[in-house]
Amino acid sequence: MGNPSGRYNKKKEIELDLFHCKGCGACVEVAPEHFVMDEDNELPKVIDSIVEGEHDDLEQAMAICPMACIQIKEIE
């Protein structure tokens, strides 16, 4: 039937605040398609900062982050 609102086709940018991140790895466990641990500094990093569509795992990672380091912003 389609998606008249275009909701699922919007591009989003994942931002990770490494200054406040404690390296707990919750984001990597919840959303391994989007985050990976950097073994050198023991902090997560974003695999691809631009995503398209809906990603429930990203929303869950943002909600579970104890330091609120993950932001997801819609981009044009």
C-alpha atoms as a PDB file:
ATOM      1  CA  MET A   1       0.000   0.000   0.000  1.00  0.00           C
ATOM      2  CA  GLY A   2       2.967   2.316   0.382  1.00  0.00           C
ATOM      3  CA  ASN A   3       4.015   4.828   2.935  1.00  0.00           C
ATOM      4  CA  PRO A   4       2.284   8.160   2.318  1.00  0.00           C
ATOM      5  CA  SER A   5       3.960   9.948   5.201  1.00  0.00           C
ATOM      6  CA  GLY A   6       7.475   9.015   4.107  1.00  0.00           C
ATOM      7  CA  ARG A   7       8.223   8.170   7.732  1.00  0.00           C
ATOM      8  CA  TYR A   8      10.208   5.055   6.914  1.00  0.00           C
ATOM      9  CA  ASN A   9      12.331   6.682   4.237  1.00  0.00           C
ATOM     10  CA  LYS A  10      13.819   9.511   6.278  1.00  0.00           C
ATOM     11  CA  LYS A  11      17.564   9.677   6.672  1.00  0.00           C
ATOM     12  CA  LYS A  12      18.940   9.943  10.166  1.00  0.00           C
ATOM     13  CA  GLU A  13      22.324  10.732  11.621  1.00  0.00           C
ATOM     14  CA  ILE A  14      23.628   8.848  14.637  1.00  0.00           C
ATOM     15  CA  GLU A  15      25.689  10.970  17.006  1.00  0.00           C
ATOM     16  CA  LEU A  16      27.695   9.496  19.860  1.00  0.00           C
ATOM     17  CA  ASP A  17      28.995  11.661  22.714  1.00  0.00           C
ATOM     18  CA  LEU A  18      32.290   9.965  23.539  1.00  0.00           C
ATOM     19  CA  PHE A  19      33.199  12.605  26.115  1.00  0.00           C
ATOM     20  CA  HIS A  20      30.480  11.393  28.478  1.00  0.00           C
ATOM     21  CA  CYS A  21      30.497   7.730  27.397  1.00  0.00           C
ATOM     22  CA  LYS A  22      31.745   5.269  30.019  1.00  0.00           C
ATOM     23  CA  GLY A  23      32.261   2.398  27.566  1.00  0.00           C
ATOM     24  CA  CYS A  24      29.670   0.056  29.085  1.00  0.00           C
ATOM     25  CA  GLY A  25      28.944  -1.480  25.666  1.00  0.00           C
ATOM     26  CA  ALA A  26      25.159  -1.526  26.013  1.00  0.00           C
ATOM     27  CA  CYS A  27      24.747   0.078  22.580  1.00  0.00           C
ATOM     28  CA  VAL A  28      26.963  -2.580  20.986  1.00  0.00           C
ATOM     29  CA  GLU A  29      24.910  -5.372  22.561  1.00  0.00           C
ATOM     30  CA  VAL A  30      21.543  -3.868  21.600  1.00  0.00           C
ATOM     31  CA  ALA A  31      22.435  -2.544  18.122  1.00  0.00           C
ATOM     32  CA  PRO A  32      25.463  -4.435  16.747  1.00  0.00           C
ATOM     33  CA  GLU A  33      24.574  -3.372  13.190  1.00  0.00           C
ATOM     34  CA  HIS A  34      25.254   0.242  14.174  1.00  0.00           C
ATOM     35  CA  PHE A  35      27.888   0.169  16.945  1.00  0.00           C
ATOM     36  CA  VAL A  36      31.170  -1.634  17.511  1.00  0.00           C
ATOM     37  CA  MET A  37      33.667  -1.390  20.372  1.00  0.00           C
ATOM     38  CA  ASP A  38      36.967   0.288  19.538  1.00  0.00           C
ATOM     39  CA  GLU A  39      39.529  -1.956  21.206  1.00  0.00           C
ATOM     40  CA  ASP A  40      42.146   0.823  21.337  1.00  0.00           C
ATOM     41  CA  ASN A  41      40.190   3.252  23.521  1.00  0.00           C
ATOM     42  CA  GLU A  42      37.552   0.819  24.877  1.00  0.00           C
ATOM     43  CA  LEU A  43      34.706   3.038  23.665  1.00  0.00           C
ATOM     44  CA  PRO A  44      32.013   2.331  21.095  1.00  0.00           C
ATOM     45  CA  LYS A  45      32.038   3.835  17.647  1.00  0.00           C
ATOM     46  CA  VAL A  46      29.320   4.238  15.063  1.00  0.00           C
ATOM     47  CA  ILE A  47      29.711   1.929  12.071  1.00  0.00           C
ATOM     48  CA  ASP A  48      27.779   4.148   9.631  1.00  0.00           C
ATOM     49  CA  SER A  49      26.569   7.484  10.961  1.00  0.00           C
ATOM     50  CA  ILE A  50      23.867   7.902   8.292  1.00  0.00           C
ATOM     51  CA  VAL A  51      20.955   5.453   8.246  1.00  0.00           C
ATOM     52  CA  GLU A  52      17.678   5.389   6.400  1.00  0.00           C
ATOM     53  CA  GLY A  53      14.316   4.151   7.614  1.00  0.00           C
ATOM     54  CA  GLU A  54      13.182   2.944  11.004  1.00  0.00           C
ATOM     55  CA  HIS A  55      15.603   1.141  13.284  1.00  0.00           C
ATOM     56  CA  ASP A  56      14.054  -0.050  16.527  1.00  0.00           C
ATOM     57  CA  ASP A  57      17.463  -1.220  17.739  1.00  0.00           C
ATOM     58  CA  LEU A  58      18.783   2.359  17.535  1.00  0.00           C
ATOM     59  CA  GLU A  59      15.852   3.649  19.553  1.00  0.00           C
ATOM     60  CA  GLN A  60      16.477   0.917  22.117  1.00  0.00           C
ATOM     61  CA  ALA A  61      20.204   1.719  22.280  1.00  0.00           C
ATOM     62  CA  MET A  62      19.401   5.383  22.833  1.00  0.00           C
ATOM     63  CA  ALA A  63      16.966   4.491  25.620  1.00  0.00           C
ATOM     64  CA  ILE A  64      19.296   2.038  27.371  1.00  0.00           C
ATOM     65  CA  CYS A  65      22.442   4.212  27.336  1.00  0.00           C
ATOM     66  CA  PRO A  66      23.097   5.081  30.996  1.00  0.00           C
ATOM     67  CA  MET A  67      24.865   8.332  30.096  1.00  0.00           C
ATOM     68  CA  ALA A  68      22.445   9.429  27.321  1.00  0.00           C
ATOM     69  CA  CYS A  69      25.319   9.582  24.818  1.00  0.00           C
ATOM     70  CA  ILE A  70      23.345   8.579  21.726  1.00  0.00           C
ATOM     71  CA  GLN A  71      21.396  11.076  19.654  1.00  0.00           C
ATOM     72  CA  ILE A  72      19.477  10.307  16.486  1.00  0.00           C
ATOM     73  CA  LYS A  73      18.668  13.306  14.318  1.00  0.00           C
ATOM     74  CA  GLU A  74      16.626  13.457  11.133  1.00  0.00           C
ATOM     75  CA  ILE A  75      18.480  15.036   8.244  1.00  0.00           C
ATOM     76  CA  GLU A  76      17.272  16.418   4.937  1.00  0.00           C
END
